[in-house]
C-alpha cells in the first residue's frame, strides 16, 4: 500500500500548534474535516474515539513517533493526517520521550485487512531512522510529500 494513496495532502500539518496529546488529535481531526476527508458531524465522535483508544494504550511507540488510529463504520475511505511538532508532545509514549511526528489513521471498520496494510506501510517507514529524521525536519507540506513519494518508490522496488 502506498502512503500517497491514503495521506490527505490538505491534512499534512508541518507545524502543529498543539502542545498536548488531546489537542494534537483535535487539530489533526480538524485538518481532516477541513480537507473534506471526514464529515464535520462526525468530528467530536472521532476525537472521543481516538482519545479513548489512547487511554487504553498509547500509540506513542517510541523514537518520537505516534500513530493514533481508529476503525469506524462511517469511514468509507482510509485517510491519514500527518502532524509534526517541533516542540514535542507528551503522548505517554512507551519510551517516555516526547513525540514529534504523528500519523493519524482513520479506517473503515469493514476493511480490517486494509487497516493492517496501512499500519504496515506507516511502520515500515517510521522504523527507519532516516525517514523519522527527515520527517521531523520537514518545514513545509511539500517536504513531507517528497519524503512520502520517495518512501513509496522504495517500497515498490522491494
C-alpha atoms as a PDB file:
ATOM      1  CA  UNK A   1       0.000   0.000   0.000  1.00  0.00           C
ATOM      2  CA  UNK A   2       1.322   3.411  -0.949  1.00  0.00           C
ATOM      3  CA  UNK A   3       1.190   6.175   1.639  1.00  0.00           C
ATOM      4  CA  UNK A   4       0.498   8.758  -1.066  1.00  0.00           C
ATOM      5  CA  UNK A   5      -2.768   6.938  -1.804  1.00  0.00           C
ATOM      6  CA  UNK A   6      -4.104   7.415   1.723  1.00  0.00           C
ATOM      7  CA  UNK A   7      -2.400  10.521   3.112  1.00  0.00           C
ATOM      8  CA  UNK A   8      -4.697  13.531   2.754  1.00  0.00           C
ATOM      9  CA  UNK A   9      -2.456  16.263   1.333  1.00  0.00           C
ATOM     10  CA  UNK A  10      -4.527  19.053   2.903  1.00  0.00           C
ATOM     11  CA  UNK A  11      -4.255  17.325   6.297  1.00  0.00           C
ATOM     12  CA  UNK A  12      -0.457  17.492   6.471  1.00  0.00           C
ATOM     13  CA  UNK A  13       0.440  19.852   9.287  1.00  0.00           C
ATOM     14  CA  UNK A  14       4.184  20.607   9.235  1.00  0.00           C
ATOM     15  CA  UNK A  15       3.898  22.834  12.313  1.00  0.00           C
ATOM     16  CA  UNK A  16       1.406  21.513  14.861  1.00  0.00           C
ATOM     17  CA  UNK A  17       0.383  24.275  17.256  1.00  0.00           C
ATOM     18  CA  UNK A  18      -0.843  21.867  19.932  1.00  0.00           C
ATOM     19  CA  UNK A  19       1.228  21.077  22.994  1.00  0.00           C
ATOM     20  CA  UNK A  20      -0.848  18.203  24.401  1.00  0.00           C
ATOM     21  CA  UNK A  21      -1.877  14.814  23.013  1.00  0.00           C
ATOM     22  CA  UNK A  22      -5.606  15.563  23.082  1.00  0.00           C
ATOM     23  CA  UNK A  23      -5.159  18.957  21.435  1.00  0.00           C
ATOM     24  CA  UNK A  24      -2.931  17.426  18.741  1.00  0.00           C
ATOM     25  CA  UNK A  25      -5.577  14.789  17.995  1.00  0.00           C
ATOM     26  CA  UNK A  26      -8.204  17.547  17.776  1.00  0.00           C
ATOM     27  CA  UNK A  27      -6.019  19.678  15.491  1.00  0.00           C
ATOM     28  CA  UNK A  28      -5.403  16.730  13.165  1.00  0.00           C
ATOM     29  CA  UNK A  29      -9.058  15.626  13.072  1.00  0.00           C
ATOM     30  CA  UNK A  30      -9.987  19.242  12.291  1.00  0.00           C
ATOM     31  CA  UNK A  31      -7.498  19.165   9.386  1.00  0.00           C
ATOM     32  CA  UNK A  32      -9.240  16.048   8.023  1.00  0.00           C
ATOM     33  CA  UNK A  33     -12.625  17.793   8.365  1.00  0.00           C
ATOM     34  CA  UNK A  34     -11.282  20.932   6.634  1.00  0.00           C
ATOM     35  CA  UNK A  35      -9.927  18.731   3.816  1.00  0.00           C
ATOM     36  CA  UNK A  36     -13.377  17.102   3.422  1.00  0.00           C
ATOM     37  CA  UNK A  37     -11.942  13.690   4.309  1.00  0.00           C
ATOM     38  CA  UNK A  38     -14.229  13.491   7.352  1.00  0.00           C
ATOM     39  CA  UNK A  39     -17.725  14.841   7.904  1.00  0.00           C
ATOM     40  CA  UNK A  40     -17.907  17.718  10.374  1.00  0.00           C
ATOM     41  CA  UNK A  41     -20.877  15.976  12.038  1.00  0.00           C
ATOM     42  CA  UNK A  42     -18.526  13.125  12.996  1.00  0.00           C
ATOM     43  CA  UNK A  43     -15.720  15.340  14.288  1.00  0.00           C
ATOM     44  CA  UNK A  44     -16.480  15.063  18.008  1.00  0.00           C
ATOM     45  CA  UNK A  45     -17.170  11.311  17.797  1.00  0.00           C
ATOM     46  CA  UNK A  46     -13.784  10.701  16.215  1.00  0.00           C
ATOM     47  CA  UNK A  47     -11.907  12.884  18.669  1.00  0.00           C
ATOM     48  CA  UNK A  48     -13.536  10.969  21.537  1.00  0.00           C
ATOM     49  CA  UNK A  49     -12.868   7.574  19.903  1.00  0.00           C
ATOM     50  CA  UNK A  50      -9.193   8.326  19.264  1.00  0.00           C
ATOM     51  CA  UNK A  51      -8.606   9.696  22.762  1.00  0.00           C
ATOM     52  CA  UNK A  52     -10.436   6.717  24.268  1.00  0.00           C
ATOM     53  CA  UNK A  53      -8.134   4.430  22.253  1.00  0.00           C
ATOM     54  CA  UNK A  54      -5.096   6.357  23.532  1.00  0.00           C
ATOM     55  CA  UNK A  55      -6.237   5.954  27.141  1.00  0.00           C
ATOM     56  CA  UNK A  56      -6.397   2.156  26.683  1.00  0.00           C
ATOM     57  CA  UNK A  57      -2.819   2.123  25.437  1.00  0.00           C
ATOM     58  CA  UNK A  58      -0.636   4.817  23.976  1.00  0.00           C
ATOM     59  CA  UNK A  59       0.124   4.738  20.276  1.00  0.00           C
ATOM     60  CA  UNK A  60       3.330   6.619  21.035  1.00  0.00           C
ATOM     61  CA  UNK A  61       5.657   3.812  20.024  1.00  0.00           C
ATOM     62  CA  UNK A  62       8.977   5.452  20.793  1.00  0.00           C
ATOM     63  CA  UNK A  63      11.601   7.176  18.666  1.00  0.00           C
ATOM     64  CA  UNK A  64       9.480  10.354  18.683  1.00  0.00           C
ATOM     65  CA  UNK A  65       6.531   8.932  16.734  1.00  0.00           C
ATOM     66  CA  UNK A  66       2.872   8.146  17.411  1.00  0.00           C
ATOM     67  CA  UNK A  67       0.226   6.524  15.238  1.00  0.00           C
ATOM     68  CA  UNK A  68      -3.199   7.172  16.731  1.00  0.00           C
ATOM     69  CA  UNK A  69      -5.771   5.185  14.779  1.00  0.00           C
ATOM     70  CA  UNK A  70      -9.403   4.197  14.810  1.00  0.00           C
ATOM     71  CA  UNK A  71     -11.670   1.983  12.706  1.00  0.00           C
ATOM     72  CA  UNK A  72     -15.228   3.192  12.285  1.00  0.00           C
ATOM     73  CA  UNK A  73     -18.339   2.181  10.365  1.00  0.00           C
ATOM     74  CA  UNK A  74     -18.879   5.690   8.973  1.00  0.00           C
ATOM     75  CA  UNK A  75     -15.469   5.814   7.271  1.00  0.00           C
ATOM     76  CA  UNK A  76     -15.659   4.787   3.621  1.00  0.00           C
ATOM     77  CA  UNK A  77     -12.081   5.551   2.538  1.00  0.00           C
ATOM     78  CA  UNK A  78      -8.937   5.346   4.601  1.00  0.00           C
ATOM     79  CA  UNK A  79      -7.414   8.703   5.470  1.00  0.00           C
ATOM     80  CA  UNK A  80      -4.180   9.753   7.153  1.00  0.00           C
ATOM     81  CA  UNK A  81      -3.350  13.135   8.634  1.00  0.00           C
ATOM     82  CA  UNK A  82       0.293  13.855   9.415  1.00  0.00           C
ATOM     83  CA  UNK A  83       1.368  16.285  12.101  1.00  0.00           C
ATOM     84  CA  UNK A  84       4.837  17.451  13.030  1.00  0.00           C
ATOM     85  CA  UNK A  85       5.529  19.093  16.375  1.00  0.00           C
ATOM     86  CA  UNK A  86       8.813  20.935  16.648  1.00  0.00           C
ATOM     87  CA  UNK A  87       8.446  21.266  20.435  1.00  0.00           C
ATOM     88  CA  UNK A  88       7.448  17.676  21.107  1.00  0.00           C
ATOM     89  CA  UNK A  89       4.249  16.385  22.725  1.00  0.00           C
ATOM     90  CA  UNK A  90       3.820  14.082  25.702  1.00  0.00           C
ATOM     91  CA  UNK A  91       1.970  11.141  24.151  1.00  0.00           C
ATOM     92  CA  UNK A  92       2.671   8.811  27.060  1.00  0.00           C
ATOM     93  CA  UNK A  93       4.998   7.012  24.648  1.00  0.00           C
ATOM     94  CA  UNK A  94       6.473   3.633  25.516  1.00  0.00           C
ATOM     95  CA  UNK A  95       9.981   5.131  25.785  1.00  0.00           C
ATOM     96  CA  UNK A  96       8.662   8.083  27.864  1.00  0.00           C
ATOM     97  CA  UNK A  97      10.082  10.518  25.278  1.00  0.00           C
ATOM     98  CA  UNK A  98       8.186  13.329  23.510  1.00  0.00           C
ATOM     99  CA  UNK A  99       6.529  12.678  20.157  1.00  0.00           C
ATOM    100  CA  UNK A 100       7.440  14.854  17.182  1.00  0.00           C
ATOM    101  CA  UNK A 101       5.784  13.034  14.265  1.00  0.00           C
ATOM    102  CA  UNK A 102       2.182  11.824  14.287  1.00  0.00           C
ATOM    103  CA  UNK A 103       0.352   9.751  11.679  1.00  0.00           C
ATOM    104  CA  UNK A 104      -3.385   9.760  12.485  1.00  0.00           C
ATOM    105  CA  UNK A 105      -5.153   6.943  10.621  1.00  0.00           C
ATOM    106  CA  UNK A 106      -8.907   6.585  10.092  1.00  0.00           C
ATOM    107  CA  UNK A 107     -10.027   3.275   8.575  1.00  0.00           C
ATOM    108  CA  UNK A 108     -13.306   1.663   7.501  1.00  0.00           C
ATOM    109  CA  UNK A 109     -14.338  -0.883  10.121  1.00  0.00           C
ATOM    110  CA  UNK A 110     -15.361  -3.430   7.487  1.00  0.00           C
ATOM    111  CA  UNK A 111     -11.885  -3.488   5.886  1.00  0.00           C
ATOM    112  CA  UNK A 112      -9.530  -4.688   8.640  1.00  0.00           C
ATOM    113  CA  UNK A 113      -7.014  -6.025   6.106  1.00  0.00           C
ATOM    114  CA  UNK A 114      -6.646  -2.539   4.579  1.00  0.00           C
ATOM    115  CA  UNK A 115      -6.109  -1.124   8.070  1.00  0.00           C
ATOM    116  CA  UNK A 116      -3.320  -3.647   8.673  1.00  0.00           C
ATOM    117  CA  UNK A 117      -1.755  -2.866   5.283  1.00  0.00           C
ATOM    118  CA  UNK A 118      -1.799   0.851   6.088  1.00  0.00           C
ATOM    119  CA  UNK A 119      -0.258   0.258   9.524  1.00  0.00           C
ATOM    120  CA  UNK A 120       2.428  -1.867   7.893  1.00  0.00           C
ATOM    121  CA  UNK A 121       3.224   0.898   5.380  1.00  0.00           C
ATOM    122  CA  UNK A 122       3.355   3.508   8.144  1.00  0.00           C
ATOM    123  CA  UNK A 123       5.521   1.442  10.487  1.00  0.00           C
ATOM    124  CA  UNK A 124       7.738   0.220   7.677  1.00  0.00           C
ATOM    125  CA  UNK A 125       8.777   3.826   7.164  1.00  0.00           C
ATOM    126  CA  UNK A 126       8.691   5.044  10.757  1.00  0.00           C
ATOM    127  CA  UNK A 127      11.013   2.210  11.758  1.00  0.00           C
ATOM    128  CA  UNK A 128      13.717   3.788   9.564  1.00  0.00           C
ATOM    129  CA  UNK A 129      15.807   6.344  11.416  1.00  0.00           C
ATOM    130  CA  UNK A 130      16.479   8.359   8.241  1.00  0.00           C
ATOM    131  CA  UNK A 131      12.750   8.644   7.441  1.00  0.00           C
ATOM    132  CA  UNK A 132      11.990   9.780  11.014  1.00  0.00           C
ATOM    133  CA  UNK A 133      14.787  12.360  10.939  1.00  0.00           C
ATOM    134  CA  UNK A 134      13.726  13.859   7.586  1.00  0.00           C
ATOM    135  CA  UNK A 135      10.080  13.896   8.633  1.00  0.00           C
ATOM    136  CA  UNK A 136      10.912  15.693  11.860  1.00  0.00           C
ATOM    137  CA  UNK A 137      12.946  18.274   9.900  1.00  0.00           C
ATOM    138  CA  UNK A 138      10.153  18.964   7.384  1.00  0.00           C
ATOM    139  CA  UNK A 139       9.107  22.606   7.379  1.00  0.00           C
ATOM    140  CA  UNK A 140       6.504  22.540   4.596  1.00  0.00           C
ATOM    141  CA  UNK A 141       3.841  20.250   3.150  1.00  0.00           C
ATOM    142  CA  UNK A 142       5.975  19.763   0.036  1.00  0.00           C
ATOM    143  CA  UNK A 143       8.876  18.484   2.195  1.00  0.00           C
ATOM    144  CA  UNK A 144       6.576  15.797   3.595  1.00  0.00           C
ATOM    145  CA  UNK A 145       5.163  14.931   0.167  1.00  0.00           C
ATOM    146  CA  UNK A 146       8.638  14.445  -1.322  1.00  0.00           C
ATOM    147  CA  UNK A 147       9.573  12.185   1.599  1.00  0.00           C
ATOM    148  CA  UNK A 148       6.380  10.121   1.160  1.00  0.00           C
ATOM    149  CA  UNK A 149       6.920   9.810  -2.608  1.00  0.00           C
ATOM    150  CA  UNK A 150      10.483   8.586  -2.037  1.00  0.00           C
ATOM    151  CA  UNK A 151       9.235   6.101   0.580  1.00  0.00           C
ATOM    152  CA  UNK A 152       6.573   4.780  -1.811  1.00  0.00           C
ATOM    153  CA  UNK A 153       9.175   4.428  -4.577  1.00  0.00           C
ATOM    154  CA  UNK A 154      11.458   2.409  -2.289  1.00  0.00           C
ATOM    155  CA  UNK A 155       8.528   0.210  -1.227  1.00  0.00           C
ATOM    156  CA  UNK A 156       7.662  -0.685  -4.833  1.00  0.00           C
ATOM    157  CA  UNK A 157      11.279  -1.655  -5.511  1.00  0.00           C
ATOM    158  CA  UNK A 158      11.215  -4.246  -2.703  1.00  0.00           C
END
